[in-house]
Amino acid sequence: MTGFGPHRTLSYAAQLQLAMVGLAAPAVIFAWLGWQVLAQSQYRVERGRIASDIYTSLLEFDLEKASLRKWSYQQALDQVADPGQRDASLMRMRAQITRIADKAERAAQLDLERGKVLDEHAQRLGLLDFLNDVVGKLDRETARLLIQDDSQAWPMAVIDADFDQLRGVPLADALRDALEVEAAALDRERTRADDGLSAARGLFVTAGSFGFVATFIMAVLLARRLRQPLKHLEDGLSAYQEGDFTYRFDRFRDTEFVTLGQQLNAMATEVEAARARGQQNRAELERTVAARTAELRRTLDELAASEGARQKLLADISHELRTPVTVIRGEAQVALRHKAVSPTTYRTALERIVGVTRQMGHLIEDLLVLVRDPKGQPLIAARDIGLSDVIGPVLETAQSLAREREVILHGPDPYCDVTLRADPARLRQVLGCLLDNALRYSHPGGTVRLAVAQESADRLEIQISDQGIGIDPDDLDRVFDRGWRSEGARMHRPDGLGLGLAIARQLTHAQGGVLEIRGGPDGQGVIAVVSLPLAVTDDRPDQEEKEAHGHSADRG
């Protein structure tokens, strides 16, 4: 097995298989022998355990007999003796007899399985009959003590005779003989178990020594046989690991390694060719990818910016168009519901519808701005305006929504006619959104109130309060997040988008104002507070007012 020459008759794999068989056959034989020794030892240990249990049961039987004798003395001397103690002692003695019978039966079964003569079993059966007779006699004799007259006295000698002999046989001698027999059996089984364990140890030492020596010899032979091809493989694979694929495996002599060397040589040749092609392609690809990446990065940045702005504004416009459409439908339904009304009523309804369509015109204008410039923001045309010119139309528009939702809407009375610096259309959009929210989340029969107060010398405060579902204090920090709605809002109105407050705050800030959301008193309702700057001067010529109305009409 140590040579590498061409004159061997068996291949390396075949010789290795023969060596493995040579190691496996003795191992199987030793395993079988060990199994037999262990089985014999197990049998001896179990027989010894049975003898020990029978010996212990006999001792406990004798102790219970002594306890019953003590009870008899107490009963004969008119001392306190519990009849239950007698019954318990007899029951425990019978239990020991049953235990001895079970152990004897188990020992007989083990002996039969191994073809042993059942001499011990016959002796134990005789012992069991004797013990049963003892218990029967003691049961009868002690029962007589329970029914004795007070004038009758039992001599101790009579009691001792009952407990010491059975049919002329001394009980103590019989129990002692039985204990000696079981002790001898116990010693005998222990000696045999020790002999079996010694044999097992010798067998295992022999098997281990043989296995160690045989394995050592086999390892030395295999190491000598594999040293040269493994060294050749190690050198080649190290060269491949360092990137040198010019190394060739041409020093193998064994058939298995020669085939492996040819496959590795073919792989190295292919890798060298692929590496050369890969280097050329990689250089060209890197130049192309660098140019394309720079171009795509610029394009993606532009698309991300434009798409984000477009989606944001489209979502806002879609959200804001719902309220005007609802108002138009409500005004038209109110006008059509009355069969006989004056032209003035129709004209008033149409004027409200026109006002709402102007608001829709602003939203469409925002959409046109988005088409022209995806990054554009909604147009804000701030100027000096009268607050009553904004609140009046907003309340008139909201009244139709309030009637539809069965909510009572109150405005300031009288109107606080001050001059603000704001975009009237955008301010109406903000207040309309806040009123729509207040009406939407109010309960039928509830009240929504719009109040105006001068916050300071240069700012005005508009409060819109409701008695609706309210808001959790923990949710106040998130009410202006786009697309976010509280759990209570989703349960009350599952059709919302969570955009109204975000749009309202954006438009308020664009006009130099501040929008805050507060919880109502006692956790009921919500208060929306809009703080806006007052105009520098309160002078507002009629011509400016006309121009303002004309400008709003053009935008609508």
Protein backbone atom coordinates (compact mmCIF):
# COMPACT_ATOMS: atom_id res chain seq x y z
CA MET A 1 0.00 0.00 0.00
CA THR A 2 2.96 2.34 0.32
CA GLY A 3 4.10 2.31 -3.29
CA PHE A 4 3.08 4.66 -6.11
CA GLY A 5 4.42 2.50 -8.95
CA PRO A 6 2.45 1.28 -11.96
CA HIS A 7 2.64 -2.45 -11.02
CA ARG A 8 -0.03 -2.55 -8.30
CA THR A 9 -3.00 -4.83 -8.92
CA LEU A 10 -5.62 -2.90 -6.98
CA SER A 11 -6.62 0.73 -7.24
CA TYR A 12 -6.22 3.09 -4.33
CA ALA A 13 -9.98 3.06 -3.66
CA ALA A 14 -10.12 -0.77 -3.65
CA GLN A 15 -7.21 -1.03 -1.23
CA LEU A 16 -8.85 1.53 1.02
CA GLN A 17 -12.08 -0.48 1.02
CA LEU A 18 -10.20 -3.65 1.99
CA ALA A 19 -8.52 -1.82 4.84
CA MET A 20 -11.88 -0.56 6.10
CA VAL A 21 -13.30 -4.09 5.95
CA GLY A 22 -10.28 -5.35 7.90
CA LEU A 23 -11.05 -2.81 10.63
CA ALA A 24 -14.80 -3.33 10.60
CA ALA A 25 -14.82 -7.17 10.94
CA PRO A 26 -12.98 -7.33 14.29
CA ALA A 27 -15.04 -4.40 15.52
CA VAL A 28 -18.26 -6.31 14.78
CA ILE A 29 -16.94 -9.42 16.55
CA PHE A 30 -15.86 -7.46 19.61
CA ALA A 31 -19.20 -5.68 19.66
CA TRP A 32 -21.08 -8.99 19.60
CA LEU A 33 -18.94 -10.39 22.39
CA GLY A 34 -19.37 -7.24 24.42
CA TRP A 35 -23.13 -7.43 23.94
CA GLN A 36 -23.18 -10.99 25.25
CA VAL A 37 -21.05 -10.09 28.27
CA LEU A 38 -23.20 -7.07 29.03
CA ALA A 39 -26.39 -9.13 28.72
CA GLN A 40 -25.01 -11.72 31.15
CA SER A 41 -23.92 -8.99 33.56
CA GLN A 42 -27.33 -7.36 33.33
CA TYR A 43 -28.95 -10.73 34.13
CA ARG A 44 -26.73 -11.20 37.18
CA VAL A 45 -27.31 -7.66 38.41
CA GLU A 46 -31.07 -8.06 38.12
CA ARG A 47 -31.00 -11.43 39.89
CA GLY A 48 -28.93 -9.90 42.67
CA ARG A 49 -31.39 -7.03 42.96
CA ILE A 50 -34.27 -9.52 43.25
CA ALA A 51 -32.43 -11.45 46.00
CA SER A 52 -31.75 -8.16 47.80
CA ASP A 53 -35.43 -7.17 47.58
CA ILE A 54 -36.58 -10.56 48.93
CA TYR A 55 -34.04 -10.33 51.75
CA THR A 56 -35.28 -6.82 52.63
CA SER A 57 -38.92 -7.97 52.52
CA LEU A 58 -38.16 -10.82 54.92
CA LEU A 59 -36.55 -8.39 57.34
CA GLU A 60 -39.54 -6.07 57.17
CA PHE A 61 -41.86 -9.08 57.62
CA ASP A 62 -39.97 -10.01 60.80
CA LEU A 63 -40.18 -6.41 62.04
CA GLU A 64 -43.92 -6.32 61.47
CA LYS A 65 -44.28 -9.64 63.36
CA ALA A 66 -42.37 -8.09 66.30
CA SER A 67 -44.65 -5.04 66.15
CA LEU A 68 -47.71 -7.33 66.23
CA ARG A 69 -46.23 -9.22 69.23
CA LYS A 70 -45.83 -5.90 71.07
CA TRP A 71 -49.48 -5.07 70.35
CA SER A 72 -50.52 -8.47 71.75
CA TYR A 73 -48.61 -7.83 74.98
CA GLN A 74 -50.38 -4.47 75.37
CA GLN A 75 -53.76 -6.05 74.73
CA ALA A 76 -53.13 -8.90 77.22
CA LEU A 77 -52.03 -6.44 79.93
CA ASP A 78 -55.15 -4.26 79.42
CA GLN A 79 -53.05 -1.40 78.15
CA VAL A 80 -54.14 0.98 75.41
CA ALA A 81 -53.86 -1.00 72.17
CA ASP A 82 -55.40 0.30 68.94
CA PRO A 83 -57.09 -2.49 66.93
CA GLY A 84 -56.23 -0.52 63.79
CA GLN A 85 -52.54 -1.01 64.55
CA ARG A 86 -53.07 -4.79 64.48
CA ASP A 87 -54.87 -4.61 61.14
CA ALA A 88 -52.15 -2.38 59.70
CA SER A 89 -49.37 -4.75 60.79
CA LEU A 90 -51.16 -7.74 59.25
CA MET A 91 -51.79 -5.80 56.05
CA ARG A 92 -48.11 -4.82 55.76
CA MET A 93 -47.05 -8.44 56.39
CA ARG A 94 -49.33 -9.60 53.57
CA ALA A 95 -47.91 -6.83 51.36
CA GLN A 96 -44.39 -8.11 51.97
CA ILE A 97 -45.54 -11.64 51.07
CA THR A 98 -47.00 -10.28 47.82
CA ARG A 99 -43.76 -8.44 47.06
CA ILE A 100 -41.72 -11.59 47.69
CA ALA A 101 -44.06 -13.55 45.40
CA ASP A 102 -43.63 -10.96 42.58
CA LYS A 103 -39.85 -10.96 42.90
CA ALA A 104 -39.75 -14.79 42.97
CA GLU A 105 -41.87 -14.92 39.82
CA ARG A 106 -39.56 -12.43 38.07
CA ALA A 107 -36.49 -14.45 39.06
CA ALA A 108 -38.10 -17.65 37.74
CA GLN A 109 -38.91 -15.91 34.44
CA LEU A 110 -35.28 -14.74 34.04
CA ASP A 111 -33.99 -18.27 34.84
CA LEU A 112 -36.38 -19.82 32.31
CA GLU A 113 -35.20 -17.40 29.57
CA ARG A 114 -31.63 -18.64 30.15
CA GLY A 115 -32.50 -22.33 30.64
CA LYS A 116 -31.65 -22.42 34.36
CA VAL A 117 -32.92 -25.01 36.85
CA LEU A 118 -35.65 -23.55 39.10
CA ASP A 119 -34.40 -24.90 42.44
CA GLU A 120 -34.45 -21.48 44.10
CA HIS A 121 -37.97 -20.87 42.86
CA ALA A 122 -39.25 -24.09 44.47
CA GLN A 123 -37.68 -23.10 47.80
CA ARG A 124 -39.24 -19.65 47.59
CA LEU A 125 -42.67 -21.10 46.85
CA GLY A 126 -42.38 -23.20 50.01
CA LEU A 127 -41.29 -20.10 51.92
CA LEU A 128 -44.34 -18.19 50.64
CA ASP A 129 -46.70 -20.95 51.80
CA PHE A 130 -45.03 -20.92 55.19
CA LEU A 131 -45.31 -17.11 55.50
CA ASN A 132 -48.98 -17.19 54.53
CA ASP A 133 -49.61 -19.80 57.25
CA VAL A 134 -47.79 -17.59 59.76
CA VAL A 135 -49.95 -14.58 58.90
CA GLY A 136 -53.10 -16.69 59.10
CA LYS A 137 -52.21 -18.06 62.52
CA LEU A 138 -51.26 -14.62 63.91
CA ASP A 139 -54.48 -13.18 62.53
CA ARG A 140 -56.57 -15.81 64.33
CA GLU A 141 -54.66 -15.67 67.61
CA THR A 142 -54.62 -11.88 67.85
CA ALA A 143 -58.33 -11.76 66.98
CA ARG A 144 -59.03 -13.80 70.12
CA LEU A 145 -57.37 -11.08 72.18
CA LEU A 146 -59.93 -8.58 70.88
CA ILE A 147 -62.90 -10.58 72.17
CA GLN A 148 -61.53 -11.64 75.62
CA ASP A 149 -63.52 -10.95 78.79
CA ASP A 150 -62.24 -8.46 81.32
CA SER A 151 -61.90 -11.32 83.85
CA GLN A 152 -59.87 -13.43 81.43
CA ALA A 153 -56.08 -13.01 81.45
CA TRP A 154 -53.72 -14.29 78.76
CA PRO A 155 -50.35 -15.53 80.02
CA MET A 156 -47.34 -14.12 78.20
CA ALA A 157 -46.11 -17.66 77.62
CA VAL A 158 -49.19 -18.40 75.53
CA ILE A 159 -48.64 -15.30 73.39
CA ASP A 160 -44.96 -16.15 72.95
CA ALA A 161 -45.87 -19.69 71.94
CA ASP A 162 -48.28 -18.34 69.31
CA PHE A 163 -45.60 -16.05 67.86
CA ASP A 164 -42.65 -18.44 68.11
CA GLN A 165 -43.92 -21.71 66.63
CA LEU A 166 -46.07 -22.95 63.78
CA ARG A 167 -46.91 -26.64 63.70
CA GLY A 168 -43.92 -27.32 65.97
CA VAL A 169 -41.51 -25.31 63.77
CA PRO A 170 -39.81 -22.30 65.44
CA LEU A 171 -40.72 -19.18 63.43
CA ALA A 172 -37.47 -17.44 64.29
CA ASP A 173 -35.41 -20.35 62.98
CA ALA A 174 -37.49 -20.57 59.81
CA LEU A 175 -37.13 -16.84 59.07
CA ARG A 176 -33.42 -16.96 59.88
CA ASP A 177 -32.93 -19.88 57.50
CA ALA A 178 -34.84 -18.02 54.77
CA LEU A 179 -32.73 -14.91 55.33
CA GLU A 180 -29.54 -16.95 55.14
CA VAL A 181 -30.68 -18.53 51.88
CA GLU A 182 -31.46 -15.13 50.31
CA ALA A 183 -28.20 -13.64 51.67
CA ALA A 184 -26.27 -16.50 50.10
CA ALA A 185 -28.12 -15.99 46.81
CA LEU A 186 -27.39 -12.27 46.98
CA ASP A 187 -23.66 -12.89 47.57
CA ARG A 188 -23.59 -15.44 44.79
CA GLU A 189 -25.22 -13.11 42.25
CA ARG A 190 -22.97 -10.22 43.27
CA THR A 191 -19.91 -12.40 42.75
CA ARG A 192 -21.16 -13.48 39.34
CA ALA A 193 -22.02 -9.87 38.39
CA ASP A 194 -18.53 -8.77 39.42
CA ASP A 195 -17.03 -11.58 37.33
CA GLY A 196 -19.13 -10.51 34.35
CA LEU A 197 -18.08 -6.88 34.72
CA SER A 198 -14.44 -7.95 34.97
CA ALA A 199 -14.86 -9.96 31.77
CA ALA A 200 -16.51 -6.94 30.09
CA ARG A 201 -13.64 -4.70 31.16
CA GLY A 202 -11.11 -7.17 29.82
CA LEU A 203 -13.01 -7.44 26.55
CA PHE A 204 -13.29 -3.69 26.17
CA VAL A 205 -9.60 -3.21 26.98
CA THR A 206 -8.72 -5.83 24.38
CA ALA A 207 -11.05 -4.31 21.78
CA GLY A 208 -9.79 -0.81 22.51
CA SER A 209 -6.17 -1.85 22.31
CA PHE A 210 -6.76 -3.70 19.06
CA GLY A 211 -8.69 -0.78 17.60
CA PHE A 212 -6.03 1.70 18.64
CA VAL A 213 -3.15 -0.36 17.22
CA ALA A 214 -5.01 -1.21 14.01
CA THR A 215 -6.14 2.37 13.49
CA PHE A 216 -2.64 3.67 14.14
CA ILE A 217 -1.13 1.29 11.61
CA MET A 218 -3.84 2.16 9.06
CA ALA A 219 -3.35 5.88 9.64
CA VAL A 220 0.41 5.59 9.12
CA LEU A 221 -0.05 3.65 5.89
CA LEU A 222 -2.69 6.06 4.57
CA ALA A 223 -0.61 9.09 5.51
CA ARG A 224 2.43 7.69 3.66
CA ARG A 225 0.25 6.84 0.67
CA LEU A 226 -1.47 10.23 0.51
CA ARG A 227 1.47 12.50 1.35
CA GLN A 228 2.75 13.07 -2.20
CA PRO A 229 -0.61 13.61 -4.00
CA LEU A 230 -1.95 15.79 -1.20
CA LYS A 231 1.21 17.91 -1.27
CA HIS A 232 0.81 18.28 -5.02
CA LEU A 233 -2.84 19.31 -4.54
CA GLU A 234 -1.95 21.78 -1.80
CA ASP A 235 0.70 23.48 -3.97
CA GLY A 236 -1.66 23.75 -6.92
CA LEU A 237 -4.65 25.04 -4.97
CA SER A 238 -2.44 27.58 -3.19
CA ALA A 239 -1.28 28.83 -6.59
CA TYR A 240 -4.91 29.08 -7.75
CA GLN A 241 -5.84 30.94 -4.59
CA GLU A 242 -3.13 33.51 -5.31
CA GLY A 243 -4.43 33.91 -8.86
CA ASP A 244 -1.75 31.85 -10.68
CA PHE A 245 -3.72 29.57 -13.01
CA THR A 246 -0.62 28.53 -15.00
CA TYR A 247 0.07 25.74 -12.49
CA ARG A 248 -0.58 22.23 -13.84
CA PHE A 249 -1.18 18.93 -12.02
CA ASP A 250 1.14 16.54 -13.87
CA ARG A 251 2.88 14.54 -11.09
CA PHE A 252 0.04 12.18 -10.03
CA ARG A 253 0.47 8.39 -10.46
CA ASP A 254 -2.76 7.02 -8.95
CA THR A 255 -5.68 6.68 -11.33
CA GLU A 256 -8.08 8.65 -9.13
CA PHE A 257 -5.69 11.56 -8.70
CA VAL A 258 -4.66 11.56 -12.39
CA THR A 259 -8.31 12.03 -13.38
CA LEU A 260 -8.73 14.77 -10.80
CA GLY A 261 -5.56 16.51 -12.06
CA GLN A 262 -6.81 16.47 -15.65
CA GLN A 263 -10.10 18.07 -14.60
CA LEU A 264 -8.31 20.74 -12.57
CA ASN A 265 -5.95 21.49 -15.47
CA ALA A 266 -8.89 21.90 -17.84
CA MET A 267 -10.60 24.19 -15.33
CA ALA A 268 -7.47 26.33 -14.97
CA THR A 269 -7.14 26.70 -18.75
CA GLU A 270 -10.77 27.81 -19.02
CA VAL A 271 -10.40 30.22 -16.11
CA GLU A 272 -7.33 31.84 -17.74
CA ALA A 273 -9.24 32.38 -20.98
CA ALA A 274 -12.31 33.67 -19.17
CA ARG A 275 -10.18 36.01 -17.08
CA ALA A 276 -8.66 37.57 -20.16
CA ARG A 277 -12.07 38.07 -21.74
CA GLY A 278 -13.50 39.34 -18.47
CA GLN A 279 -10.81 41.98 -18.05
CA GLN A 280 -11.52 43.37 -21.51
CA ASN A 281 -15.27 43.33 -20.99
CA ARG A 282 -14.98 44.77 -17.49
CA ALA A 283 -12.99 47.78 -18.64
CA GLU A 284 -15.49 48.56 -21.38
CA LEU A 285 -18.44 47.93 -19.11
CA GLU A 286 -17.09 50.17 -16.37
CA ARG A 287 -16.78 53.06 -18.80
CA THR A 288 -20.29 52.52 -20.10
CA VAL A 289 -21.80 52.06 -16.63
CA ALA A 290 -20.12 55.18 -15.27
CA ALA A 291 -21.59 57.30 -18.06
CA ARG A 292 -25.05 55.74 -17.82
CA THR A 293 -25.07 55.96 -14.02
CA ALA A 294 -24.37 59.66 -14.03
CA GLU A 295 -27.09 60.24 -16.59
CA LEU A 296 -29.62 58.06 -14.77
CA ARG A 297 -28.84 59.71 -11.43
CA ARG A 298 -29.64 63.13 -12.85
CA THR A 299 -32.81 61.83 -14.48
CA LEU A 300 -33.96 60.03 -11.33
CA ASP A 301 -33.37 63.10 -9.18
CA GLU A 302 -35.49 65.19 -11.52
CA LEU A 303 -38.22 62.55 -11.72
CA ALA A 304 -38.31 62.07 -7.96
CA ALA A 305 -38.63 65.80 -7.33
CA SER A 306 -41.31 66.33 -9.97
CA GLU A 307 -43.28 63.19 -9.11
CA GLY A 308 -43.29 63.97 -5.40
CA ALA A 309 -44.60 67.48 -5.99
CA ARG A 310 -47.15 66.23 -8.54
CA GLN A 311 -48.52 63.52 -6.24
CA LYS A 312 -48.70 65.89 -3.29
CA LEU A 313 -50.58 68.58 -5.20
CA LEU A 314 -52.90 66.09 -6.93
CA ALA A 315 -53.79 64.56 -3.57
CA ASP A 316 -54.46 68.01 -2.12
CA ILE A 317 -56.62 69.08 -5.07
CA SER A 318 -58.56 65.78 -5.02
CA HIS A 319 -59.22 66.27 -1.32
CA GLU A 320 -60.24 69.92 -1.67
CA LEU A 321 -62.58 69.29 -4.61
CA ARG A 322 -64.84 67.15 -2.45
CA THR A 323 -66.15 70.04 -0.37
CA PRO A 324 -67.05 72.38 -3.29
CA VAL A 325 -68.80 69.58 -5.12
CA THR A 326 -70.75 68.72 -1.95
CA VAL A 327 -71.76 72.38 -1.51
CA ILE A 328 -72.89 72.71 -5.12
CA ARG A 329 -74.97 69.58 -4.83
CA GLY A 330 -76.46 70.76 -1.54
CA GLU A 331 -77.38 74.24 -2.87
CA ALA A 332 -78.91 72.74 -5.99
CA GLN A 333 -80.93 70.22 -3.99
CA VAL A 334 -82.21 72.95 -1.63
CA ALA A 335 -83.25 75.13 -4.56
CA LEU A 336 -84.97 72.25 -6.37
CA ARG A 337 -86.68 70.93 -3.24
CA HIS A 338 -88.93 74.03 -3.01
CA LYS A 339 -91.52 74.03 -5.76
CA ALA A 340 -92.65 77.65 -5.41
CA VAL A 341 -89.84 80.05 -4.58
CA SER A 342 -89.01 83.54 -5.69
CA PRO A 343 -86.33 84.36 -8.28
CA THR A 344 -84.34 85.93 -5.46
CA THR A 345 -83.99 82.56 -3.76
CA TYR A 346 -82.75 80.96 -6.97
CA ARG A 347 -80.40 83.88 -7.52
CA THR A 348 -78.99 83.51 -4.00
CA ALA A 349 -78.40 79.79 -4.52
CA LEU A 350 -76.75 80.44 -7.86
CA GLU A 351 -74.53 83.12 -6.36
CA ARG A 352 -73.37 80.65 -3.73
CA ILE A 353 -72.71 78.07 -6.40
CA VAL A 354 -70.72 80.66 -8.37
CA GLY A 355 -68.66 81.42 -5.27
CA VAL A 356 -67.89 77.76 -4.83
CA THR A 357 -66.96 77.38 -8.49
CA ARG A 358 -64.48 80.21 -8.03
CA GLN A 359 -62.85 78.16 -5.31
CA MET A 360 -62.77 75.21 -7.69
CA GLY A 361 -61.19 77.52 -10.27
CA HIS A 362 -58.31 78.18 -7.87
CA LEU A 363 -57.78 74.46 -7.49
CA ILE A 364 -57.76 74.01 -11.26
CA GLU A 365 -55.28 76.86 -11.51
CA ASP A 366 -53.03 75.01 -9.04
CA LEU A 367 -53.26 71.98 -11.29
CA LEU A 368 -52.19 74.09 -14.30
CA VAL A 369 -49.24 75.38 -12.32
CA LEU A 370 -48.25 71.79 -11.58
CA VAL A 371 -48.43 70.91 -15.31
CA ARG A 372 -46.21 73.87 -16.22
CA ASP A 373 -43.79 73.41 -13.30
CA PRO A 374 -43.87 70.12 -11.31
CA LYS A 375 -41.99 71.80 -8.45
CA GLY A 376 -44.31 74.77 -8.30
CA GLN A 377 -46.33 75.74 -5.21
CA PRO A 378 -49.95 76.97 -5.03
CA LEU A 379 -50.21 80.67 -5.90
CA ILE A 380 -50.68 83.05 -2.95
CA ALA A 381 -51.84 86.61 -3.70
CA ALA A 382 -51.82 88.30 -0.30
CA ARG A 383 -53.39 91.76 0.02
CA ASP A 384 -55.44 93.83 2.42
CA ILE A 385 -58.94 92.38 2.72
CA GLY A 386 -61.93 92.76 5.01
CA LEU A 387 -62.56 89.81 7.29
CA SER A 388 -66.32 90.00 6.74
CA ASP A 389 -65.78 89.53 2.98
CA VAL A 390 -64.27 86.12 3.76
CA ILE A 391 -66.29 84.87 6.73
CA GLY A 392 -69.70 85.66 5.22
CA PRO A 393 -69.36 83.50 2.09
CA VAL A 394 -67.61 80.76 4.04
CA LEU A 395 -70.47 80.54 6.59
CA GLU A 396 -73.11 80.64 3.85
CA THR A 397 -71.37 77.77 2.05
CA ALA A 398 -70.94 75.79 5.27
CA GLN A 399 -74.62 76.21 6.21
CA SER A 400 -75.68 73.84 3.45
CA LEU A 401 -73.21 71.23 4.75
CA ALA A 402 -74.47 71.80 8.29
CA ARG A 403 -78.09 71.24 7.25
CA GLU A 404 -77.11 68.07 5.40
CA ARG A 405 -75.32 66.73 8.48
CA GLU A 406 -77.95 68.02 10.98
CA VAL A 407 -75.46 70.21 12.81
CA ILE A 408 -76.07 73.75 14.14
CA LEU A 409 -73.56 76.33 12.83
CA HIS A 410 -73.03 79.69 14.60
CA GLY A 411 -70.89 82.55 13.30
CA PRO A 412 -69.70 85.78 14.97
CA ASP A 413 -72.45 88.28 15.60
CA PRO A 414 -71.76 90.98 14.63
CA TYR A 415 -68.89 90.23 12.26
CA CYS A 416 -65.55 91.61 13.36
CA ASP A 417 -64.92 93.88 10.41
CA VAL A 418 -61.15 94.29 10.45
CA THR A 419 -58.62 94.38 7.65
CA LEU A 420 -56.24 91.47 7.18
CA ARG A 421 -53.19 90.83 5.04
CA ALA A 422 -54.12 87.57 3.30
CA ASP A 423 -55.24 85.89 0.09
CA PRO A 424 -59.07 85.92 0.31
CA ALA A 425 -59.49 82.77 -1.82
CA ARG A 426 -56.89 80.84 0.12
CA LEU A 427 -58.25 82.04 3.46
CA ARG A 428 -61.74 80.92 2.43
CA GLN A 429 -60.19 77.57 1.47
CA VAL A 430 -58.55 77.25 4.91
CA LEU A 431 -61.68 78.21 6.85
CA GLY A 432 -63.83 76.02 4.62
CA CYS A 433 -61.57 73.04 5.29
CA LEU A 434 -61.65 73.61 9.06
CA LEU A 435 -65.44 74.06 9.06
CA ASP A 436 -65.83 70.93 6.94
CA ASN A 437 -63.75 68.96 9.46
CA ALA A 438 -65.76 70.34 12.39
CA LEU A 439 -69.07 69.47 10.71
CA ARG A 440 -67.84 66.07 9.51
CA TYR A 441 -66.77 64.90 12.98
CA SER A 442 -69.74 66.36 14.89
CA HIS A 443 -72.71 64.35 16.05
CA PRO A 444 -76.20 65.10 14.74
CA GLY A 445 -77.70 67.86 16.85
CA GLY A 446 -74.25 69.19 17.84
CA THR A 447 -73.02 72.76 17.52
CA VAL A 448 -70.11 74.21 15.54
CA ARG A 449 -69.10 77.79 16.37
CA LEU A 450 -66.84 80.26 14.52
CA ALA A 451 -65.52 83.08 16.73
CA VAL A 452 -63.19 86.02 16.00
CA ALA A 453 -60.97 87.85 18.46
CA GLN A 454 -58.03 90.25 18.15
CA GLU A 455 -55.04 88.37 19.54
CA SER A 456 -52.69 91.37 19.68
CA ALA A 457 -52.18 94.76 18.11
CA ASP A 458 -51.01 93.21 14.82
CA ARG A 459 -52.67 89.77 14.73
CA LEU A 460 -56.19 88.38 14.56
CA GLU A 461 -57.37 85.01 15.86
CA ILE A 462 -60.20 82.92 14.34
CA GLN A 463 -61.47 80.00 16.39
CA ILE A 464 -63.61 77.15 15.07
CA SER A 465 -64.88 74.85 17.85
CA ASP A 466 -67.13 71.82 17.77
CA GLN A 467 -68.69 69.32 20.16
CA GLY A 468 -67.74 66.27 18.15
CA ILE A 469 -65.70 63.16 18.80
CA GLY A 470 -62.70 65.07 20.14
CA ILE A 471 -59.06 64.05 19.91
CA ASP A 472 -56.65 62.19 22.14
CA PRO A 473 -53.95 64.49 23.60
CA ASP A 474 -51.31 62.02 22.42
CA ASP A 475 -52.49 62.51 18.82
CA LEU A 476 -52.13 66.31 18.73
CA ASP A 477 -48.52 66.08 17.54
CA ARG A 478 -49.57 64.09 14.46
CA VAL A 479 -52.75 65.82 13.27
CA PHE A 480 -50.83 67.71 10.55
CA ASP A 481 -49.08 64.60 9.16
CA ARG A 482 -50.19 63.95 5.59
CA GLY A 483 -52.37 60.85 5.33
CA TRP A 484 -52.58 60.28 9.09
CA ARG A 485 -55.96 59.90 10.84
CA SER A 486 -56.66 59.06 14.47
CA GLU A 487 -58.44 55.86 15.40
CA GLY A 488 -61.53 57.75 16.49
CA ALA A 489 -61.66 59.62 13.17
CA ARG A 490 -61.40 56.39 11.18
CA MET A 491 -64.21 54.82 13.17
CA HIS A 492 -66.46 57.88 12.83
CA ARG A 493 -65.77 58.61 9.13
CA PRO A 494 -63.86 55.82 7.35
CA ASP A 495 -63.92 57.74 4.03
CA GLY A 496 -61.36 60.45 4.96
CA LEU A 497 -57.88 60.84 3.46
CA GLY A 498 -56.08 62.67 6.28
CA LEU A 499 -55.03 65.61 4.04
CA GLY A 500 -57.31 68.49 5.07
CA LEU A 501 -55.38 69.78 8.10
CA ALA A 502 -52.03 69.41 6.33
CA ILE A 503 -53.31 71.49 3.38
CA ALA A 504 -54.87 74.07 5.69
CA ARG A 505 -51.64 74.54 7.66
CA GLN A 506 -49.58 74.85 4.46
CA LEU A 507 -51.88 77.55 3.08
CA THR A 508 -52.02 79.35 6.44
CA HIS A 509 -48.23 79.47 6.73
CA ALA A 510 -47.96 80.69 3.13
CA GLN A 511 -50.05 83.72 4.16
CA GLY A 512 -47.89 84.45 7.22
CA GLY A 513 -50.32 82.86 9.65
CA VAL A 514 -50.28 80.02 12.21
CA LEU A 515 -52.73 77.12 12.54
CA GLU A 516 -53.10 75.22 15.82
CA ILE A 517 -55.36 72.32 16.86
CA ARG A 518 -56.37 72.04 20.52
CA GLY A 519 -58.54 69.66 22.47
CA GLY A 520 -61.93 70.87 23.62
CA PRO A 521 -62.94 71.36 27.26
CA ASP A 522 -63.35 68.10 29.23
CA GLY A 523 -62.00 66.14 26.26
CA GLN A 524 -65.08 66.93 24.11
CA GLY A 525 -64.70 68.40 20.66
CA VAL A 526 -61.79 70.14 18.96
CA ILE A 527 -60.76 73.81 18.69
CA ALA A 528 -58.96 74.98 15.51
CA VAL A 529 -57.20 78.36 15.94
CA VAL A 530 -56.04 80.42 12.92
CA SER A 531 -53.77 83.37 13.72
CA LEU A 532 -53.31 85.89 10.87
CA PRO A 533 -51.52 89.25 10.57
CA LEU A 534 -53.59 92.42 10.43
CA ALA A 535 -53.13 94.91 7.64
CA VAL A 536 -50.71 97.79 8.22
CA THR A 537 -53.46 100.29 7.58
CA ASP A 538 -57.22 99.99 7.79
CA ASP A 539 -57.77 102.28 4.77
CA ARG A 540 -59.33 100.29 2.00
CA PRO A 541 -60.61 102.40 -0.96
CA ASP A 542 -63.56 101.27 -2.95
CA GLN A 543 -61.48 101.02 -6.09
CA GLU A 544 -59.17 98.46 -4.41
CA GLU A 545 -62.17 96.44 -3.34
CA LYS A 546 -63.52 96.41 -6.89
CA GLU A 547 -60.15 95.35 -8.25
CA ALA A 548 -60.01 92.56 -5.67
CA HIS A 549 -63.41 91.22 -6.72
CA GLY A 550 -62.45 91.47 -10.36
CA HIS A 551 -59.21 89.60 -9.73
CA SER A 552 -61.05 86.82 -7.90
CA ALA A 553 -63.55 86.51 -10.72
CA ASP A 554 -60.75 86.23 -13.29
CA ARG A 555 -59.07 83.49 -11.28
CA GLY A 556 -62.33 81.57 -10.96
